[in-house]
Amino acid sequence: ENAESVKNYAYKTFDHADVIKLTRE
C-alpha cells in the first residue's frame, strides 16, 4: 500500500526480522 507498510513488515514483523538476522549470522 505504501512505504510505511513495507517498513513495518521488514522491521516489526518478528518472523521476517528474525529471518533477516539469521541471514546475516
mmCIF file of all heavy atoms, coordinates in Angstrom:
data_MODEL
# 
_entry.id   MODEL 
# 
loop_
_atom_site.group_PDB 
_atom_site.id 
_atom_site.type_symbol 
_atom_site.label_atom_id 
_atom_site.label_alt_id 
_atom_site.label_comp_id 
_atom_site.label_asym_id 
_atom_site.label_entity_id 
_atom_site.label_seq_id 
_atom_site.pdbx_PDB_ins_code 
_atom_site.Cartn_x 
_atom_site.Cartn_y 
_atom_site.Cartn_z 
_atom_site.occupancy 
_atom_site.B_iso_or_equiv 
_atom_site.pdbx_formal_charge 
_atom_site.auth_seq_id 
_atom_site.auth_comp_id 
_atom_site.auth_asym_id 
_atom_site.auth_atom_id 
_atom_site.pdbx_PDB_model_num 
ATOM 1   N N   . GLU A 1 1  ? 0.823  -1.212  0.000  1.00 0.00 ? 1  GLU A N   1 
ATOM 2   C CA  . GLU A 1 1  ? 0.000  0.000   0.000  1.00 0.00 ? 1  GLU A CA  1 
ATOM 3   C C   . GLU A 1 1  ? 0.856  1.261   0.000  1.00 0.00 ? 1  GLU A C   1 
ATOM 4   O O   . GLU A 1 1  ? 0.548  2.231   -0.680 1.00 0.00 ? 1  GLU A O   1 
ATOM 5   C CB  . GLU A 1 1  ? -0.922 -0.001  1.218  1.00 0.00 ? 1  GLU A CB  1 
ATOM 6   C CG  . GLU A 1 1  ? -1.897 1.164   1.247  1.00 0.00 ? 1  GLU A CG  1 
ATOM 7   C CD  . GLU A 1 1  ? -2.842 1.081   2.431  1.00 0.00 ? 1  GLU A CD  1 
ATOM 8   O OE1 . GLU A 1 1  ? -2.574 0.324   3.382  1.00 0.00 ? 1  GLU A OE1 1 
ATOM 9   O OE2 . GLU A 1 1  ? -3.875 1.791   2.396  1.00 0.00 ? 1  GLU A OE2 1 
ATOM 10  N N   . ASN A 1 2  ? 1.952  1.248   0.746  1.00 0.00 ? 2  ASN A N   1 
ATOM 11  C CA  . ASN A 1 2  ? 2.829  2.414   0.837  1.00 0.00 ? 2  ASN A CA  1 
ATOM 12  C C   . ASN A 1 2  ? 4.155  1.995   1.468  1.00 0.00 ? 2  ASN A C   1 
ATOM 13  O O   . ASN A 1 2  ? 4.339  0.834   1.867  1.00 0.00 ? 2  ASN A O   1 
ATOM 14  C CB  . ASN A 1 2  ? 2.176  3.546   1.654  1.00 0.00 ? 2  ASN A CB  1 
ATOM 15  C CG  . ASN A 1 2  ? 1.623  3.045   2.985  1.00 0.00 ? 2  ASN A CG  1 
ATOM 16  O OD1 . ASN A 1 2  ? 2.274  2.274   3.676  1.00 0.00 ? 2  ASN A OD1 1 
ATOM 17  N ND2 . ASN A 1 2  ? 0.420  3.481   3.327  1.00 0.00 ? 2  ASN A ND2 1 
ATOM 18  N N   . ALA A 1 3  ? 5.077  2.950   1.556  1.00 0.00 ? 3  ALA A N   1 
ATOM 19  C CA  . ALA A 1 3  ? 6.407  2.659   2.105  1.00 0.00 ? 3  ALA A CA  1 
ATOM 20  C C   . ALA A 1 3  ? 6.342  2.254   3.571  1.00 0.00 ? 3  ALA A C   1 
ATOM 21  O O   . ALA A 1 3  ? 7.143  1.429   4.034  1.00 0.00 ? 3  ALA A O   1 
ATOM 22  C CB  . ALA A 1 3  ? 7.307  3.881   1.927  1.00 0.00 ? 3  ALA A CB  1 
ATOM 23  N N   . GLU A 1 4  ? 5.391  2.820   4.298  1.00 0.00 ? 4  GLU A N   1 
ATOM 24  C CA  . GLU A 1 4  ? 5.268  2.514   5.722  1.00 0.00 ? 4  GLU A CA  1 
ATOM 25  C C   . GLU A 1 4  ? 4.920  1.043   5.944  1.00 0.00 ? 4  GLU A C   1 
ATOM 26  O O   . GLU A 1 4  ? 5.441  0.396   6.873  1.00 0.00 ? 4  GLU A O   1 
ATOM 27  C CB  . GLU A 1 4  ? 4.203  3.414   6.361  1.00 0.00 ? 4  GLU A CB  1 
ATOM 28  C CG  . GLU A 1 4  ? 4.142  3.337   7.880  1.00 0.00 ? 4  GLU A CG  1 
ATOM 29  C CD  . GLU A 1 4  ? 5.392  3.893   8.552  1.00 0.00 ? 4  GLU A CD  1 
ATOM 30  O OE1 . GLU A 1 4  ? 6.105  4.693   7.923  1.00 0.00 ? 4  GLU A OE1 1 
ATOM 31  O OE2 . GLU A 1 4  ? 5.643  3.529   9.716  1.00 0.00 ? 4  GLU A OE2 1 
ATOM 32  N N   . SER A 1 5  ? 4.051  0.493   5.105  1.00 0.00 ? 5  SER A N   1 
ATOM 33  C CA  . SER A 1 5  ? 3.676  -0.918  5.258  1.00 0.00 ? 5  SER A CA  1 
ATOM 34  C C   . SER A 1 5  ? 4.852  -1.842  4.966  1.00 0.00 ? 5  SER A C   1 
ATOM 35  O O   . SER A 1 5  ? 5.012  -2.883  5.605  1.00 0.00 ? 5  SER A O   1 
ATOM 36  C CB  . SER A 1 5  ? 2.483  -1.262  4.360  1.00 0.00 ? 5  SER A CB  1 
ATOM 37  O OG  . SER A 1 5  ? 2.760  -0.998  3.001  1.00 0.00 ? 5  SER A OG  1 
ATOM 38  N N   . VAL A 1 6  ? 5.707  -1.457  4.004  1.00 0.00 ? 6  VAL A N   1 
ATOM 39  C CA  . VAL A 1 6  ? 6.920  -2.228  3.723  1.00 0.00 ? 6  VAL A CA  1 
ATOM 40  C C   . VAL A 1 6  ? 7.843  -2.194  4.939  1.00 0.00 ? 6  VAL A C   1 
ATOM 41  O O   . VAL A 1 6  ? 8.381  -3.227  5.369  1.00 0.00 ? 6  VAL A O   1 
ATOM 42  C CB  . VAL A 1 6  ? 7.662  -1.669  2.489  1.00 0.00 ? 6  VAL A CB  1 
ATOM 43  C CG1 . VAL A 1 6  ? 8.967  -2.431  2.259  1.00 0.00 ? 6  VAL A CG1 1 
ATOM 44  C CG2 . VAL A 1 6  ? 6.785  -1.733  1.261  1.00 0.00 ? 6  VAL A CG2 1 
ATOM 45  N N   . LYS A 1 7  ? 8.026  -1.021  5.490  1.00 0.00 ? 7  LYS A N   1 
ATOM 46  C CA  . LYS A 1 7  ? 8.914  -0.847  6.651  1.00 0.00 ? 7  LYS A CA  1 
ATOM 47  C C   . LYS A 1 7  ? 8.411  -1.644  7.846  1.00 0.00 ? 7  LYS A C   1 
ATOM 48  O O   . LYS A 1 7  ? 9.200  -2.302  8.543  1.00 0.00 ? 7  LYS A O   1 
ATOM 49  C CB  . LYS A 1 7  ? 9.002  0.640   6.996  1.00 0.00 ? 7  LYS A CB  1 
ATOM 50  C CG  . LYS A 1 7  ? 9.941  0.952   8.137  1.00 0.00 ? 7  LYS A CG  1 
ATOM 51  C CD  . LYS A 1 7  ? 9.998  2.460   8.377  1.00 0.00 ? 7  LYS A CD  1 
ATOM 52  C CE  . LYS A 1 7  ? 10.917 2.785   9.553  1.00 0.00 ? 7  LYS A CE  1 
ATOM 53  N NZ  . LYS A 1 7  ? 10.976 4.267   9.793  1.00 0.00 ? 7  LYS A NZ  1 
ATOM 54  N N   . ASN A 1 8  ? 7.099  -1.605  8.077  1.00 0.00 ? 8  ASN A N   1 
ATOM 55  C CA  . ASN A 1 8  ? 6.544  -2.327  9.218  1.00 0.00 ? 8  ASN A CA  1 
ATOM 56  C C   . ASN A 1 8  ? 6.747  -3.828  9.067  1.00 0.00 ? 8  ASN A C   1 
ATOM 57  O O   . ASN A 1 8  ? 7.070  -4.523  10.049 1.00 0.00 ? 8  ASN A O   1 
ATOM 58  C CB  . ASN A 1 8  ? 5.057  -2.014  9.367  1.00 0.00 ? 8  ASN A CB  1 
ATOM 59  C CG  . ASN A 1 8  ? 4.826  -0.612  9.894  1.00 0.00 ? 8  ASN A CG  1 
ATOM 60  O OD1 . ASN A 1 8  ? 5.698  -0.008  10.518 1.00 0.00 ? 8  ASN A OD1 1 
ATOM 61  N ND2 . ASN A 1 8  ? 3.637  -0.072  9.637  1.00 0.00 ? 8  ASN A ND2 1 
ATOM 62  N N   . TYR A 1 9  ? 6.551  -4.339  7.876  1.00 0.00 ? 9  TYR A N   1 
ATOM 63  C CA  . TYR A 1 9  ? 6.774  -5.770  7.648  1.00 0.00 ? 9  TYR A CA  1 
ATOM 64  C C   . TYR A 1 9  ? 8.246  -6.129  7.821  1.00 0.00 ? 9  TYR A C   1 
ATOM 65  O O   . TYR A 1 9  ? 8.582  -7.133  8.475  1.00 0.00 ? 9  TYR A O   1 
ATOM 66  C CB  . TYR A 1 9  ? 6.311  -6.175  6.254  1.00 0.00 ? 9  TYR A CB  1 
ATOM 67  C CG  . TYR A 1 9  ? 6.813  -7.536  5.846  1.00 0.00 ? 9  TYR A CG  1 
ATOM 68  C CD1 . TYR A 1 9  ? 6.363  -8.682  6.491  1.00 0.00 ? 9  TYR A CD1 1 
ATOM 69  C CD2 . TYR A 1 9  ? 7.748  -7.680  4.825  1.00 0.00 ? 9  TYR A CD2 1 
ATOM 70  C CE1 . TYR A 1 9  ? 6.830  -9.943  6.133  1.00 0.00 ? 9  TYR A CE1 1 
ATOM 71  C CE2 . TYR A 1 9  ? 8.233  -8.931  4.460  1.00 0.00 ? 9  TYR A CE2 1 
ATOM 72  C CZ  . TYR A 1 9  ? 7.769  -10.061 5.124  1.00 0.00 ? 9  TYR A CZ  1 
ATOM 73  O OH  . TYR A 1 9  ? 8.251  -11.293 4.768  1.00 0.00 ? 9  TYR A OH  1 
ATOM 74  N N   . ALA A 1 10 ? 9.120  -5.319  7.253  1.00 0.00 ? 10 ALA A N   1 
ATOM 75  C CA  . ALA A 1 10 ? 10.547 -5.641  7.260  1.00 0.00 ? 10 ALA A CA  1 
ATOM 76  C C   . ALA A 1 10 ? 11.138 -5.633  8.665  1.00 0.00 ? 10 ALA A C   1 
ATOM 77  O O   . ALA A 1 10 ? 11.952 -6.498  9.003  1.00 0.00 ? 10 ALA A O   1 
ATOM 78  C CB  . ALA A 1 10 ? 11.299 -4.656  6.365  1.00 0.00 ? 10 ALA A CB  1 
ATOM 79  N N   . TYR A 1 11 ? 10.722 -4.661  9.504  1.00 0.00 ? 11 TYR A N   1 
ATOM 80  C CA  . TYR A 1 11 ? 11.403 -4.469  10.780 1.00 0.00 ? 11 TYR A CA  1 
ATOM 81  C C   . TYR A 1 11 ? 10.566 -4.775  12.016 1.00 0.00 ? 11 TYR A C   1 
ATOM 82  O O   . TYR A 1 11 ? 11.114 -4.972  13.106 1.00 0.00 ? 11 TYR A O   1 
ATOM 83  C CB  . TYR A 1 11 ? 11.917 -3.024  10.869 1.00 0.00 ? 11 TYR A CB  1 
ATOM 84  C CG  . TYR A 1 11 ? 12.896 -2.689  9.770  1.00 0.00 ? 11 TYR A CG  1 
ATOM 85  C CD1 . TYR A 1 11 ? 12.533 -1.840  8.729  1.00 0.00 ? 11 TYR A CD1 1 
ATOM 86  C CD2 . TYR A 1 11 ? 14.168 -3.236  9.757  1.00 0.00 ? 11 TYR A CD2 1 
ATOM 87  C CE1 . TYR A 1 11 ? 13.427 -1.531  7.709  1.00 0.00 ? 11 TYR A CE1 1 
ATOM 88  C CE2 . TYR A 1 11 ? 15.072 -2.952  8.735  1.00 0.00 ? 11 TYR A CE2 1 
ATOM 89  C CZ  . TYR A 1 11 ? 14.690 -2.100  7.717  1.00 0.00 ? 11 TYR A CZ  1 
ATOM 90  O OH  . TYR A 1 11 ? 15.578 -1.814  6.707  1.00 0.00 ? 11 TYR A OH  1 
ATOM 91  N N   . LYS A 1 12 ? 9.234  -4.835  11.851 1.00 0.00 ? 12 LYS A N   1 
ATOM 92  C CA  . LYS A 1 12 ? 8.387  -5.038  13.024 1.00 0.00 ? 12 LYS A CA  1 
ATOM 93  C C   . LYS A 1 12 ? 7.696  -6.394  13.046 1.00 0.00 ? 12 LYS A C   1 
ATOM 94  O O   . LYS A 1 12 ? 7.065  -6.745  14.043 1.00 0.00 ? 12 LYS A O   1 
ATOM 95  C CB  . LYS A 1 12 ? 7.346  -3.913  13.111 1.00 0.00 ? 12 LYS A CB  1 
ATOM 96  C CG  . LYS A 1 12 ? 7.965  -2.531  13.327 1.00 0.00 ? 12 LYS A CG  1 
ATOM 97  C CD  . LYS A 1 12 ? 6.901  -1.458  13.475 1.00 0.00 ? 12 LYS A CD  1 
ATOM 98  C CE  . LYS A 1 12 ? 7.534  -0.081  13.675 1.00 0.00 ? 12 LYS A CE  1 
ATOM 99  N NZ  . LYS A 1 12 ? 6.508  0.988   13.823 1.00 0.00 ? 12 LYS A NZ  1 
ATOM 100 N N   . THR A 1 13 ? 7.777  -7.136  11.937 1.00 0.00 ? 13 THR A N   1 
ATOM 101 C CA  . THR A 1 13 ? 7.228  -8.487  11.915 1.00 0.00 ? 13 THR A CA  1 
ATOM 102 C C   . THR A 1 13 ? 8.298  -9.441  12.426 1.00 0.00 ? 13 THR A C   1 
ATOM 103 O O   . THR A 1 13 ? 9.387  -9.534  11.843 1.00 0.00 ? 13 THR A O   1 
ATOM 104 C CB  . THR A 1 13 ? 6.817  -8.897  10.486 1.00 0.00 ? 13 THR A CB  1 
ATOM 105 O OG1 . THR A 1 13 ? 5.862  -7.957  9.995  1.00 0.00 ? 13 THR A OG1 1 
ATOM 106 C CG2 . THR A 1 13 ? 6.213  -10.291 10.478 1.00 0.00 ? 13 THR A CG2 1 
ATOM 107 N N   . PHE A 1 14 ? 8.005  -10.154 13.505 1.00 0.00 ? 14 PHE A N   1 
ATOM 108 C CA  . PHE A 1 14 ? 9.034  -10.972 14.156 1.00 0.00 ? 14 PHE A CA  1 
ATOM 109 C C   . PHE A 1 14 ? 9.651  -11.983 13.202 1.00 0.00 ? 14 PHE A C   1 
ATOM 110 O O   . PHE A 1 14 ? 10.885 -12.092 13.112 1.00 0.00 ? 14 PHE A O   1 
ATOM 111 C CB  . PHE A 1 14 ? 8.452  -11.703 15.372 1.00 0.00 ? 14 PHE A CB  1 
ATOM 112 C CG  . PHE A 1 14 ? 9.424  -12.708 15.946 1.00 0.00 ? 14 PHE A CG  1 
ATOM 113 C CD1 . PHE A 1 14 ? 10.472 -12.291 16.760 1.00 0.00 ? 14 PHE A CD1 1 
ATOM 114 C CD2 . PHE A 1 14 ? 9.306  -14.064 15.644 1.00 0.00 ? 14 PHE A CD2 1 
ATOM 115 C CE1 . PHE A 1 14 ? 11.385 -13.215 17.273 1.00 0.00 ? 14 PHE A CE1 1 
ATOM 116 C CE2 . PHE A 1 14 ? 10.219 -14.986 16.147 1.00 0.00 ? 14 PHE A CE2 1 
ATOM 117 C CZ  . PHE A 1 14 ? 11.260 -14.556 16.970 1.00 0.00 ? 14 PHE A CZ  1 
ATOM 118 N N   . ASP A 1 15 ? 8.825  -12.744 12.478 1.00 0.00 ? 15 ASP A N   1 
ATOM 119 C CA  . ASP A 1 15 ? 9.355  -13.806 11.638 1.00 0.00 ? 15 ASP A CA  1 
ATOM 120 C C   . ASP A 1 15 ? 10.296 -13.261 10.567 1.00 0.00 ? 15 ASP A C   1 
ATOM 121 O O   . ASP A 1 15 ? 11.355 -13.837 10.303 1.00 0.00 ? 15 ASP A O   1 
ATOM 122 C CB  . ASP A 1 15 ? 8.213  -14.599 10.983 1.00 0.00 ? 15 ASP A CB  1 
ATOM 123 C CG  . ASP A 1 15 ? 7.527  -15.520 11.968 1.00 0.00 ? 15 ASP A CG  1 
ATOM 124 O OD1 . ASP A 1 15 ? 8.243  -16.262 12.657 1.00 0.00 ? 15 ASP A OD1 1 
ATOM 125 O OD2 . ASP A 1 15 ? 6.289  -15.488 12.052 1.00 0.00 ? 15 ASP A OD2 1 
ATOM 126 N N   . HIS A 1 16 ? 9.897  -12.163 9.924  1.00 0.00 ? 16 HIS A N   1 
ATOM 127 C CA  . HIS A 1 16 ? 10.763 -11.596 8.886  1.00 0.00 ? 16 HIS A CA  1 
ATOM 128 C C   . HIS A 1 16 ? 12.043 -11.026 9.491  1.00 0.00 ? 16 HIS A C   1 
ATOM 129 O O   . HIS A 1 16 ? 13.150 -11.259 8.966  1.00 0.00 ? 16 HIS A O   1 
ATOM 130 C CB  . HIS A 1 16 ? 10.037 -10.501 8.109  1.00 0.00 ? 16 HIS A CB  1 
ATOM 131 C CG  . HIS A 1 16 ? 10.845 -9.945  6.986  1.00 0.00 ? 16 HIS A CG  1 
ATOM 132 N ND1 . HIS A 1 16 ? 11.621 -8.813  7.134  1.00 0.00 ? 16 HIS A ND1 1 
ATOM 133 C CD2 . HIS A 1 16 ? 11.033 -10.370 5.713  1.00 0.00 ? 16 HIS A CD2 1 
ATOM 134 C CE1 . HIS A 1 16 ? 12.243 -8.560  5.998  1.00 0.00 ? 16 HIS A CE1 1 
ATOM 135 N NE2 . HIS A 1 16 ? 11.911 -9.482  5.118  1.00 0.00 ? 16 HIS A NE2 1 
ATOM 136 N N   . ALA A 1 17 ? 11.916 -10.272 10.574 1.00 0.00 ? 17 ALA A N   1 
ATOM 137 C CA  . ALA A 1 17 ? 13.099 -9.700  11.211 1.00 0.00 ? 17 ALA A CA  1 
ATOM 138 C C   . ALA A 1 17 ? 14.058 -10.794 11.675 1.00 0.00 ? 17 ALA A C   1 
ATOM 139 O O   . ALA A 1 17 ? 15.283 -10.657 11.563 1.00 0.00 ? 17 ALA A O   1 
ATOM 140 C CB  . ALA A 1 17 ? 12.676 -8.817  12.383 1.00 0.00 ? 17 ALA A CB  1 
ATOM 141 N N   . ASP A 1 18 ? 13.505 -11.892 12.183 1.00 0.00 ? 18 ASP A N   1 
ATOM 142 C CA  . ASP A 1 18 ? 14.338 -12.996 12.645 1.00 0.00 ? 18 ASP A CA  1 
ATOM 143 C C   . ASP A 1 18 ? 15.059 -13.669 11.487 1.00 0.00 ? 18 ASP A C   1 
ATOM 144 O O   . ASP A 1 18 ? 16.238 -14.035 11.601 1.00 0.00 ? 18 ASP A O   1 
ATOM 145 C CB  . ASP A 1 18 ? 13.471 -14.016 13.391 1.00 0.00 ? 18 ASP A CB  1 
ATOM 146 C CG  . ASP A 1 18 ? 14.301 -15.087 14.075 1.00 0.00 ? 18 ASP A CG  1 
ATOM 147 O OD1 . ASP A 1 18 ? 15.273 -14.737 14.776 1.00 0.00 ? 18 ASP A OD1 1 
ATOM 148 O OD2 . ASP A 1 18 ? 13.987 -16.282 13.895 1.00 0.00 ? 18 ASP A OD2 1 
ATOM 149 N N   . VAL A 1 19 ? 14.363 -13.820 10.351 1.00 0.00 ? 19 VAL A N   1 
ATOM 150 C CA  . VAL A 1 19 ? 14.993 -14.414 9.181  1.00 0.00 ? 19 VAL A CA  1 
ATOM 151 C C   . VAL A 1 19 ? 16.129 -13.521 8.677  1.00 0.00 ? 19 VAL A C   1 
ATOM 152 O O   . VAL A 1 19 ? 17.200 -14.011 8.286  1.00 0.00 ? 19 VAL A O   1 
ATOM 153 C CB  . VAL A 1 19 ? 13.952 -14.664 8.065  1.00 0.00 ? 19 VAL A CB  1 
ATOM 154 C CG1 . VAL A 1 19 ? 14.635 -15.005 6.747  1.00 0.00 ? 19 VAL A CG1 1 
ATOM 155 C CG2 . VAL A 1 19 ? 13.010 -15.793 8.474  1.00 0.00 ? 19 VAL A CG2 1 
ATOM 156 N N   . ILE A 1 20 ? 15.918 -12.210 8.680  1.00 0.00 ? 20 ILE A N   1 
ATOM 157 C CA  . ILE A 1 20 ? 16.973 -11.282 8.264  1.00 0.00 ? 20 ILE A CA  1 
ATOM 158 C C   . ILE A 1 20 ? 18.187 -11.417 9.183  1.00 0.00 ? 20 ILE A C   1 
ATOM 159 O O   . ILE A 1 20 ? 19.344 -11.422 8.729  1.00 0.00 ? 20 ILE A O   1 
ATOM 160 C CB  . ILE A 1 20 ? 16.458 -9.827  8.272  1.00 0.00 ? 20 ILE A CB  1 
ATOM 161 C CG1 . ILE A 1 20 ? 15.382 -9.653  7.205  1.00 0.00 ? 20 ILE A CG1 1 
ATOM 162 C CG2 . ILE A 1 20 ? 17.609 -8.854  8.053  1.00 0.00 ? 20 ILE A CG2 1 
ATOM 163 C CD1 . ILE A 1 20 ? 15.868 -9.905  5.793  1.00 0.00 ? 20 ILE A CD1 1 
ATOM 164 N N   . LYS A 1 21 ? 17.940 -11.543 10.472 1.00 0.00 ? 21 LYS A N   1 
ATOM 165 C CA  . LYS A 1 21 ? 19.028 -11.717 11.433 1.00 0.00 ? 21 LYS A CA  1 
ATOM 166 C C   . LYS A 1 21 ? 19.803 -13.004 11.146 1.00 0.00 ? 21 LYS A C   1 
ATOM 167 O O   . LYS A 1 21 ? 21.041 -13.006 11.137 1.00 0.00 ? 21 LYS A O   1 
ATOM 168 C CB  . LYS A 1 21 ? 18.454 -11.746 12.855 1.00 0.00 ? 21 LYS A CB  1 
ATOM 169 C CG  . LYS A 1 21 ? 19.507 -11.921 13.934 1.00 0.00 ? 21 LYS A CG  1 
ATOM 170 C CD  . LYS A 1 21 ? 18.848 -11.985 15.309 1.00 0.00 ? 21 LYS A CD  1 
ATOM 171 C CE  . LYS A 1 21 ? 19.898 -12.247 16.399 1.00 0.00 ? 21 LYS A CE  1 
ATOM 172 N NZ  . LYS A 1 21 ? 19.265 -12.361 17.737 1.00 0.00 ? 21 LYS A NZ  1 
ATOM 173 N N   . LEU A 1 22 ? 19.070 -14.084 10.882 1.00 0.00 ? 22 LEU A N   1 
ATOM 174 C CA  . LEU A 1 22 ? 19.724 -15.355 10.569 1.00 0.00 ? 22 LEU A CA  1 
ATOM 175 C C   . LEU A 1 22 ? 20.504 -15.277 9.260  1.00 0.00 ? 22 LEU A C   1 
ATOM 176 O O   . LEU A 1 22 ? 21.566 -15.894 9.113  1.00 0.00 ? 22 LEU A O   1 
ATOM 177 C CB  . LEU A 1 22 ? 18.677 -16.474 10.484 1.00 0.00 ? 22 LEU A CB  1 
ATOM 178 C CG  . LEU A 1 22 ? 18.070 -16.932 11.808 1.00 0.00 ? 22 LEU A CG  1 
ATOM 179 C CD1 . LEU A 1 22 ? 16.902 -17.882 11.543 1.00 0.00 ? 22 LEU A CD1 1 
ATOM 180 C CD2 . LEU A 1 22 ? 19.120 -17.602 12.688 1.00 0.00 ? 22 LEU A CD2 1 
ATOM 181 N N   . THR A 1 23 ? 19.951 -14.515 8.310  1.00 0.00 ? 23 THR A N   1 
ATOM 182 C CA  . THR A 1 23 ? 20.637 -14.335 7.024  1.00 0.00 ? 23 THR A CA  1 
ATOM 183 C C   . THR A 1 23 ? 22.042 -13.797 7.235  1.00 0.00 ? 23 THR A C   1 
ATOM 184 O O   . THR A 1 23 ? 23.010 -14.268 6.626  1.00 0.00 ? 23 THR A O   1 
ATOM 185 C CB  . THR A 1 23 ? 19.838 -13.365 6.133  1.00 0.00 ? 23 THR A CB  1 
ATOM 186 O OG1 . THR A 1 23 ? 18.567 -13.945 5.833  1.00 0.00 ? 23 THR A OG1 1 
ATOM 187 C CG2 . THR A 1 23 ? 20.584 -13.082 4.844  1.00 0.00 ? 23 THR A CG2 1 
ATOM 188 N N   . ARG A 1 24 ? 22.163 -12.799 8.111  1.00 0.00 ? 24 ARG A N   1 
ATOM 189 C CA  . ARG A 1 24 ? 23.463 -12.192 8.379  1.00 0.00 ? 24 ARG A CA  1 
ATOM 190 C C   . ARG A 1 24 ? 24.364 -13.144 9.174  1.00 0.00 ? 24 ARG A C   1 
ATOM 191 O O   . ARG A 1 24 ? 25.547 -13.295 8.874  1.00 0.00 ? 24 ARG A O   1 
ATOM 192 C CB  . ARG A 1 24 ? 23.277 -10.883 9.153  1.00 0.00 ? 24 ARG A CB  1 
ATOM 193 C CG  . ARG A 1 24 ? 22.378 -9.879  8.457  1.00 0.00 ? 24 ARG A CG  1 
ATOM 194 C CD  . ARG A 1 24 ? 23.047 -9.304  7.204  1.00 0.00 ? 24 ARG A CD  1 
ATOM 195 N NE  . ARG A 1 24 ? 22.166 -8.344  6.546  1.00 0.00 ? 24 ARG A NE  1 
ATOM 196 C CZ  . ARG A 1 24 ? 21.476 -8.606  5.455  1.00 0.00 ? 24 ARG A CZ  1 
ATOM 197 N NH1 . ARG A 1 24 ? 21.541 -9.799  4.907  1.00 0.00 ? 24 ARG A NH1 1 
ATOM 198 N NH2 . ARG A 1 24 ? 20.707 -7.687  4.901  1.00 0.00 ? 24 ARG A NH2 1 
ATOM 199 N N   . GLU A 1 25 ? 23.788 -13.755 10.204 1.00 0.00 ? 25 GLU A N   1 
ATOM 200 C CA  . GLU A 1 25 ? 24.595 -14.605 11.076 1.00 0.00 ? 25 GLU A CA  1 
ATOM 201 C C   . GLU A 1 25 ? 25.090 -15.865 10.368 1.00 0.00 ? 25 GLU A C   1 
ATOM 202 O O   . GLU A 1 25 ? 26.229 -16.299 10.562 1.00 0.00 ? 25 GLU A O   1 
ATOM 203 C CB  . GLU A 1 25 ? 23.771 -15.004 12.313 1.00 0.00 ? 25 GLU A CB  1 
ATOM 204 C CG  . GLU A 1 25 ? 23.475 -13.848 13.256 1.00 0.00 ? 25 GLU A CG  1 
ATOM 205 C CD  . GLU A 1 25 ? 22.598 -14.275 14.414 1.00 0.00 ? 25 GLU A CD  1 
ATOM 206 O OE1 . GLU A 1 25 ? 22.093 -15.432 14.390 1.00 0.00 ? 25 GLU A OE1 1 
ATOM 207 O OE2 . GLU A 1 25 ? 22.423 -13.468 15.349 1.00 0.00 ? 25 GLU A OE2 1 
# 
